Protein backbone atom coordinates (compact mmCIF):
# COMPACT_ATOMS: atom_id res chain seq x y z
CA MET A 1 -13.81 -25.87 -25.84
CA LYS A 2 -10.87 -26.85 -23.62
CA LYS A 3 -8.27 -26.86 -26.35
CA VAL A 4 -5.88 -24.20 -27.55
CA ILE A 5 -6.67 -23.45 -31.18
CA THR A 6 -3.69 -22.68 -33.39
CA LEU A 7 -3.15 -21.37 -36.89
CA ASN A 8 -2.60 -24.93 -38.07
CA ASP A 9 -6.10 -25.88 -36.91
CA LEU A 10 -7.91 -23.15 -38.81
CA PRO A 11 -8.68 -22.81 -42.52
CA SER A 12 -5.99 -21.02 -44.51
CA PRO A 13 -6.49 -17.26 -44.78
CA PRO A 14 -7.69 -15.77 -48.07
CA PRO A 15 -4.95 -14.69 -50.50
CA GLY A 16 -3.25 -11.48 -49.49
CA LYS A 17 -4.36 -11.61 -45.84
CA THR A 18 -1.37 -11.46 -43.48
CA GLY A 19 -0.61 -10.42 -39.92
CA TRP A 20 -3.14 -10.55 -37.10
CA PRO A 21 -5.46 -12.49 -37.16
CA TRP A 22 -4.51 -14.20 -40.41
CA THR A 23 -0.95 -15.44 -40.17
CA GLU A 24 -0.30 -14.58 -36.51
CA GLN A 25 -1.80 -15.89 -33.26
CA SER A 26 -1.62 -14.97 -29.58
CA GLU A 27 1.17 -16.39 -27.47
CA PRO A 28 0.14 -19.70 -25.84
CA VAL A 29 -0.50 -19.30 -22.11
CA GLY A 30 -0.33 -22.92 -20.92
CA ASP A 31 -3.02 -25.10 -19.42
CA GLN A 32 -3.16 -23.43 -16.00
CA MET A 33 -3.22 -19.92 -14.52
CA PRO A 34 0.01 -18.65 -12.91
CA ASP A 35 -1.37 -19.72 -9.49
CA GLY A 36 -1.98 -23.28 -10.75
CA SER A 37 -5.77 -22.96 -11.02
CA GLU A 38 -7.80 -23.65 -14.14
CA TYR A 39 -8.45 -20.80 -16.53
CA PRO A 40 -12.00 -19.46 -16.20
CA ARG A 41 -14.24 -20.17 -19.14
CA ILE A 42 -14.68 -17.16 -21.41
CA SER A 43 -17.79 -16.96 -23.58
CA ILE A 44 -17.86 -14.62 -26.57
CA VAL A 45 -21.07 -13.72 -28.39
CA THR A 46 -20.94 -12.31 -31.92
CA PRO A 47 -24.16 -10.91 -33.38
CA SER A 48 -24.13 -10.94 -37.15
CA TYR A 49 -26.12 -9.69 -40.10
CA ASN A 50 -24.75 -9.31 -43.63
CA GLN A 51 -21.18 -8.55 -42.57
CA GLY A 52 -19.55 -11.23 -44.73
CA GLN A 53 -16.88 -8.73 -45.72
CA PHE A 54 -15.59 -8.53 -42.14
CA ILE A 55 -16.85 -11.41 -40.01
CA GLU A 56 -13.89 -13.69 -40.70
CA ASP A 57 -11.59 -11.14 -39.02
CA ALA A 58 -13.83 -11.17 -35.95
CA ILE A 59 -14.01 -14.97 -35.81
CA ARG A 60 -10.26 -15.48 -36.12
CA SER A 61 -9.51 -12.74 -33.56
CA VAL A 62 -11.54 -14.80 -31.06
CA LEU A 63 -10.26 -18.26 -31.97
CA LEU A 64 -6.60 -17.25 -32.21
CA GLN A 65 -6.42 -15.91 -28.66
CA SER A 66 -4.67 -19.22 -27.78
CA TYR A 67 -7.03 -19.39 -24.80
CA PRO A 68 -7.56 -22.89 -23.36
CA ASN A 69 -11.15 -22.55 -22.09
CA LEU A 70 -13.22 -20.80 -24.76
CA GLU A 71 -16.90 -20.88 -25.68
CA TYR A 72 -17.74 -19.04 -28.91
CA ILE A 73 -21.33 -18.32 -29.94
CA ILE A 74 -22.45 -16.65 -33.19
CA ILE A 75 -26.03 -15.42 -33.55
CA ASP A 76 -26.80 -14.47 -37.15
CA GLY A 77 -29.99 -12.63 -38.00
CA GLY A 78 -30.59 -14.37 -41.33
CA SER A 79 -27.80 -12.98 -43.51
CA THR A 80 -28.24 -13.09 -47.27
CA ASP A 81 -24.62 -12.38 -48.27
CA ASN A 82 -21.65 -14.75 -47.85
CA THR A 83 -21.75 -14.64 -44.03
CA ILE A 84 -23.15 -18.17 -43.60
CA GLU A 85 -20.52 -19.61 -45.92
CA ILE A 86 -17.80 -18.10 -43.72
CA ILE A 87 -19.40 -19.22 -40.46
CA LYS A 88 -19.59 -22.79 -41.77
CA LYS A 89 -15.84 -22.72 -42.44
CA TYR A 90 -15.33 -22.36 -38.69
CA GLU A 91 -18.36 -24.18 -37.25
CA GLY A 92 -16.17 -26.97 -35.86
CA PHE A 93 -14.65 -24.44 -33.47
CA LEU A 94 -17.96 -22.92 -32.34
CA ALA A 95 -19.97 -23.93 -29.29
CA PHE A 96 -23.16 -22.82 -31.06
CA TRP A 97 -24.29 -20.85 -34.06
CA VAL A 98 -27.62 -20.13 -35.67
CA SER A 99 -28.91 -18.08 -38.59
CA GLU A 100 -32.53 -17.03 -38.24
CA LYS A 101 -34.55 -13.86 -38.41
CA ASP A 102 -34.51 -11.98 -35.11
CA GLU A 103 -35.71 -8.67 -33.71
CA GLY A 104 -32.47 -6.78 -34.24
CA GLN A 105 -28.94 -6.60 -32.88
CA SER A 106 -29.88 -6.34 -29.19
CA HIS A 107 -32.16 -9.36 -29.48
CA GLY A 108 -29.39 -11.36 -31.14
CA ILE A 109 -26.87 -10.44 -28.44
CA ASN A 110 -29.36 -11.32 -25.70
CA LYS A 111 -29.96 -14.73 -27.30
CA GLY A 112 -26.22 -15.33 -27.08
CA PHE A 113 -26.01 -14.10 -23.48
CA HIS A 114 -28.77 -16.54 -22.50
CA ARG A 115 -26.70 -19.41 -23.95
CA ALA A 116 -23.34 -18.34 -22.53
CA THR A 117 -21.93 -20.49 -19.71
CA GLY A 118 -18.59 -18.75 -19.23
CA ASP A 119 -17.33 -17.22 -16.00
CA LEU A 120 -16.58 -14.15 -18.13
CA VAL A 121 -18.79 -13.11 -21.05
CA GLY A 122 -18.05 -10.63 -23.82
CA TRP A 123 -19.58 -9.63 -27.10
CA GLN A 124 -17.74 -8.66 -30.23
CA ASN A 125 -19.56 -7.33 -33.26
CA SER A 126 -19.08 -9.09 -36.56
CA ASP A 127 -17.29 -6.11 -38.13
CA ASP A 128 -14.94 -5.49 -35.17
CA PHE A 129 -12.16 -7.57 -33.64
CA TYR A 130 -9.97 -8.25 -30.60
CA TYR A 131 -6.23 -7.67 -30.42
CA PRO A 132 -3.93 -10.56 -29.39
CA ASN A 133 -3.62 -11.92 -25.82
CA VAL A 134 -6.75 -10.14 -24.56
CA PHE A 135 -8.51 -13.17 -23.06
CA PHE A 136 -5.52 -14.20 -20.96
CA LYS A 137 -5.25 -10.69 -19.53
CA ALA A 138 -9.00 -10.57 -18.79
CA ALA A 139 -8.77 -13.88 -16.94
CA ILE A 140 -5.81 -12.70 -14.83
CA LYS A 141 -7.46 -9.40 -13.90
CA SER A 142 -10.76 -11.08 -13.03
CA LYS A 143 -8.82 -13.24 -10.55
CA LEU A 144 -6.91 -10.30 -9.07
CA PHE A 145 -9.94 -8.02 -8.73
CA SER A 146 -12.62 -10.36 -7.47
CA GLY A 147 -14.82 -7.51 -6.22
CA TYR A 148 -15.38 -6.17 -9.74
CA SER A 149 -18.09 -7.38 -12.11
CA VAL A 150 -17.12 -5.64 -15.37
CA PHE A 151 -13.66 -5.28 -16.92
CA TYR A 152 -13.10 -2.92 -19.83
CA GLY A 153 -10.11 -1.67 -21.76
CA THR A 154 -9.09 0.50 -24.68
CA LYS A 155 -10.29 0.79 -28.24
CA THR A 156 -8.88 1.81 -31.58
CA TYR A 157 -10.77 2.86 -34.70
CA LEU A 158 -9.98 1.35 -38.07
CA ASN A 159 -11.25 3.89 -40.58
CA LEU A 160 -11.78 2.22 -43.95
CA GLU A 161 -12.84 5.56 -45.41
CA ASN A 162 -9.43 7.02 -44.56
CA GLN A 163 -7.11 4.49 -46.22
CA GLY A 164 -7.41 2.05 -43.31
CA ALA A 165 -5.94 4.44 -40.74
CA PHE A 166 -5.84 3.34 -37.08
CA THR A 167 -6.55 5.92 -34.37
CA GLU A 168 -6.86 5.55 -30.61
CA ASP A 169 -10.16 6.39 -28.93
CA VAL A 170 -8.97 9.00 -26.42
CA ASN A 171 -12.20 8.76 -24.42
CA MET A 172 -11.26 5.38 -22.91
CA SER A 173 -10.16 5.98 -19.30
CA ASP A 174 -10.43 5.00 -15.65
CA PHE A 175 -13.93 4.63 -14.31
CA ASP A 176 -15.39 8.11 -13.86
CA LEU A 177 -19.05 8.93 -14.44
CA LEU A 178 -18.23 12.48 -15.49
CA LYS A 179 -16.07 11.07 -18.30
CA MET A 180 -19.00 9.02 -19.59
CA ILE A 181 -20.85 12.16 -20.72
CA PRO A 182 -21.23 13.12 -23.51
CA HIS A 183 -19.14 10.25 -24.94
CA SER A 184 -18.80 6.94 -23.13
CA ASN A 185 -15.33 6.08 -21.82
CA MET A 186 -15.93 2.35 -22.16
CA SER A 187 -16.71 0.07 -25.08
CA ASN A 188 -18.01 -3.46 -25.67
CA GLN A 189 -15.11 -4.09 -28.09
CA SER A 190 -12.82 -4.63 -25.07
CA MET A 191 -15.25 -5.52 -22.25
CA PHE A 192 -15.95 -8.64 -20.21
CA PHE A 193 -18.82 -9.24 -17.77
CA ARG A 194 -19.00 -11.75 -14.96
CA ARG A 195 -21.74 -14.27 -15.66
CA LYS A 196 -23.58 -13.31 -12.46
CA ILE A 197 -24.73 -10.14 -14.24
CA PHE A 198 -26.86 -12.24 -16.59
CA GLN A 199 -27.81 -14.74 -13.91
CA GLU A 200 -29.27 -11.80 -12.00
CA GLY A 201 -31.48 -10.88 -14.95
CA ASN A 202 -29.56 -8.09 -16.66
CA PHE A 203 -29.75 -8.05 -20.45
CA LEU A 204 -29.71 -5.43 -23.21
CA ASP A 205 -32.79 -3.25 -23.55
CA GLN A 206 -34.12 -4.21 -26.98
CA SER A 207 -36.01 -0.92 -27.33
CA PHE A 208 -32.65 0.78 -27.94
CA ASN A 209 -31.58 0.49 -31.56
CA HIS A 210 -28.25 2.31 -31.42
CA CYS A 211 -27.03 2.97 -27.86
CA MET A 212 -27.96 -0.35 -26.30
CA ASP A 213 -24.40 -0.72 -25.01
CA THR A 214 -24.27 2.68 -23.30
CA GLU A 215 -27.72 2.17 -21.78
CA PHE A 216 -26.61 -1.24 -20.47
CA PHE A 217 -23.46 0.20 -18.88
CA TRP A 218 -25.40 2.95 -17.09
CA ARG A 219 -28.06 0.48 -15.89
CA LEU A 220 -25.39 -1.80 -14.42
CA ILE A 221 -23.81 1.20 -12.70
CA GLU A 222 -27.20 2.22 -11.30
CA ARG A 223 -27.57 -1.31 -9.89
CA GLY A 224 -24.25 -1.17 -8.09
CA TYR A 225 -21.98 -3.35 -10.27
CA LYS A 226 -18.35 -2.27 -10.11
CA PHE A 227 -16.32 -1.52 -13.26
CA LYS A 228 -12.54 -1.94 -13.58
CA PHE A 229 -10.47 -0.26 -16.29
CA VAL A 230 -7.77 -2.58 -17.68
CA PRO A 231 -5.82 -0.75 -20.43
CA GLU A 232 -4.24 -4.01 -21.67
CA LEU A 233 -7.62 -5.19 -22.95
CA LYS A 234 -7.79 -3.92 -26.52
CA GLY A 235 -10.44 -4.08 -29.20
CA CYS A 236 -10.96 -2.44 -32.57
CA TYR A 237 -14.06 -0.67 -33.86
CA ARG A 238 -14.18 -0.67 -37.64
CA LEU A 239 -15.54 2.48 -39.29
CA HIS A 240 -17.08 1.84 -42.68
CA GLU A 241 -19.98 3.01 -44.79
CA ASN A 242 -22.53 0.54 -43.43
CA CYS A 243 -21.52 0.32 -39.77
CA LYS A 244 -24.12 1.41 -37.24
CA GLY A 245 -21.86 4.12 -35.85
CA GLN A 246 -21.75 5.81 -39.26
CA SER A 247 -25.47 5.82 -39.96
CA ASP A 248 -28.89 6.36 -38.45
CA ASN A 249 -28.02 9.53 -36.53
CA ASN A 250 -31.66 10.12 -35.62
CA SER A 251 -31.77 6.75 -33.88
CA TYR A 252 -28.55 7.55 -32.03
CA LEU A 253 -29.85 10.93 -30.88
CA SER A 254 -33.15 9.49 -29.70
CA ASP A 255 -31.35 6.77 -27.72
CA ILE A 256 -28.71 8.98 -26.13
CA LEU A 257 -31.23 11.63 -25.06
CA LYS A 258 -33.26 8.96 -23.26
CA ILE A 259 -30.10 7.99 -21.38
CA TYR A 260 -29.28 11.62 -20.47
CA GLU A 261 -32.82 12.13 -19.22
CA ARG A 262 -32.61 9.05 -17.01
CA ILE A 263 -29.27 10.15 -15.57
CA TYR A 264 -30.65 13.61 -14.84
CA LEU A 265 -33.71 12.20 -13.08
CA ASN A 266 -31.69 9.75 -10.95
CA LYS A 267 -31.04 11.60 -7.70
CA ASN A 268 -28.66 8.86 -6.56
CA PHE A 269 -26.07 10.26 -8.93
CA LYS A 270 -23.90 13.12 -7.74
CA PRO A 271 -25.11 16.62 -8.68
CA ALA A 272 -22.11 17.10 -11.00
CA VAL A 273 -23.07 14.01 -13.01
CA ARG A 274 -26.74 15.05 -13.26
CA LYS A 275 -25.68 18.57 -14.24
CA LYS A 276 -23.49 17.26 -17.05
CA ALA A 277 -26.37 15.16 -18.35
CA TRP A 278 -28.55 18.26 -18.30
CA GLN A 279 -25.93 20.27 -20.17
CA SER A 280 -25.92 17.62 -22.90
CA LEU A 281 -29.71 17.79 -23.14
CA ARG A 282 -29.49 21.57 -23.37
CA ALA A 283 -26.84 21.37 -26.11
CA SER A 284 -29.02 19.04 -28.19
CA CYS A 285 -31.87 21.51 -27.84
CA LEU A 286 -29.76 24.46 -29.01
CA ASP A 287 -28.47 22.36 -31.90
CA LEU A 288 -32.03 22.16 -33.25
CA TYR A 289 -32.27 25.96 -33.10
CA GLY A 290 -28.93 26.36 -34.87
CA LYS A 291 -30.17 24.10 -37.66
CA SER A 292 -33.39 26.16 -37.95
CA ARG A 293 -35.52 23.16 -37.01
CA LEU A 294 -37.73 25.51 -35.05
CA PRO A 295 -40.86 23.41 -34.40
CA GLU A 296 -38.63 20.60 -33.08
CA PHE A 297 -36.68 23.13 -31.01
CA ARG A 298 -39.83 24.48 -29.35
CA LYS A 299 -41.10 20.96 -28.73
CA ARG A 300 -37.77 20.00 -27.16
CA CYS A 301 -37.77 23.11 -24.96
CA LYS A 302 -41.17 22.16 -23.59
CA GLU A 303 -40.02 18.59 -22.97
CA LEU A 304 -37.00 19.82 -21.02
CA TRP A 305 -39.04 22.27 -18.98
CA LYS A 306 -41.41 19.44 -18.16
CA LEU A 307 -38.50 17.12 -17.37
CA SER A 308 -37.15 19.68 -14.90
CA GLY A 309 -40.46 19.52 -13.04
CA PHE A 310 -40.53 23.31 -13.28
CA ASP A 311 -38.06 23.28 -10.40
CA SER A 312 -36.91 26.85 -9.77
CA ASN A 313 -33.50 25.48 -8.75
CA ASN A 314 -32.98 24.20 -12.28
CA LEU A 315 -31.11 26.71 -14.42
CA MET A 316 -33.19 25.71 -17.46
CA LEU A 317 -36.07 27.77 -16.12
CA LEU A 318 -33.80 30.82 -15.84
CA ASP A 319 -31.82 30.10 -19.00
CA PHE A 320 -32.26 33.41 -20.77
CA GLU A 321 -30.50 32.17 -23.92
CA ILE A 322 -33.02 29.34 -24.28
CA ILE A 323 -35.95 31.59 -23.42
CA GLY A 324 -34.80 34.27 -25.88
CA LYS A 325 -34.30 31.79 -28.69
CA TYR A 326 -37.65 30.18 -27.95
CA LEU A 327 -39.40 33.56 -28.33
CA LEU A 328 -37.44 34.33 -31.51
CA SER A 329 -38.33 30.94 -32.97
CA ILE A 330 -42.00 31.82 -32.81
CA CYS A 331 -41.33 34.50 -35.44
CA GLY A 332 -40.56 31.78 -37.98
CA ASN A 333 -37.57 30.93 -40.15
CA SER A 334 -37.72 33.92 -42.50
CA SER A 335 -37.74 36.44 -39.66
CA LEU A 336 -35.03 34.53 -37.86
CA GLN A 337 -32.82 34.55 -40.95
CA GLN A 338 -33.23 38.34 -41.20
CA ILE A 339 -32.29 38.76 -37.55
CA ARG A 340 -29.21 36.59 -38.06
CA TYR A 341 -28.26 38.63 -41.14
CA TYR A 342 -28.51 41.97 -39.27
CA LYS A 343 -26.56 40.49 -36.34
CA SER A 344 -23.80 39.26 -38.67
CA THR A 345 -23.67 42.63 -40.47
CA LEU A 346 -23.43 44.49 -37.17
CA LEU A 347 -20.61 42.29 -35.95
CA THR A 348 -18.73 42.76 -39.24
CA GLN A 349 -19.09 46.54 -38.98
CA ARG A 350 -17.81 46.54 -35.41
CA LYS A 351 -14.73 44.53 -36.39
CA SER A 352 -13.94 46.93 -39.23
């Protein structure tokens, strides 16, 4: 859509909704880039499923960027709440939308990526949103840094369980692999990809239910794509009872451990990066012991020993804390609780 969308073009906001993106819009940027060239097309994909409570925020935060060359695609997975009603309010401003059963969030996003024709492509979840003037800044930076394929910025959290408090995600930072473990320092809420990434066959791995974004970032890094940190790009991640980041911890753990294992096994990464991945795997193993999930702990120990290839240079094989806890775990939970009790009593006596 080569037309700047304004507040006057859109449906009126619901009663009580003010500020961005309800009664405010981004500053218009004109029809041409500062150098006189045409603005690159930006495609945004929003996957959606039963987020009628929030999706209008996401839609308006895209449309009210005042960006003159926008393609907006919404892929809904067959919502049964009021999502479709809201999408239809804005369908005249969409390049494409569909509501049909799919194979999950990653599948929906990939469907959108396949349809996107923009020079830059982003995805924004239906319960998150962009801040003003982001698209203009992404377009400018993509022109200035032509050797980079991915541009990412900063992120805030909107915590609906804490009276709507906003907090900055302090993990967002310059590109540094060491800063991506254990928590990623980049986020899809403020990220744009050059279209060549998808033209070259890179899409989300649909076997990942939770960490499909982190897996995608690491895979692109492994394949040599360059990432550029642009702090002016800002997105918001909404924390609420039903958001994926607040639920399904087992799925998250399973996904992130797969990623750590792959990083550890990739000898193209620097030793410090592989070591940090290993430390995260080790920490997850010890966490099982601390929670007295002893059969799972022993199983995880064996998996990590196997993963190490029984390499004598790997500290896991000489990790006396792990070995000692593994032997203790064989005694069972009741014996382990007694040992912990005697240890606690002894420490208390020493302090007194």
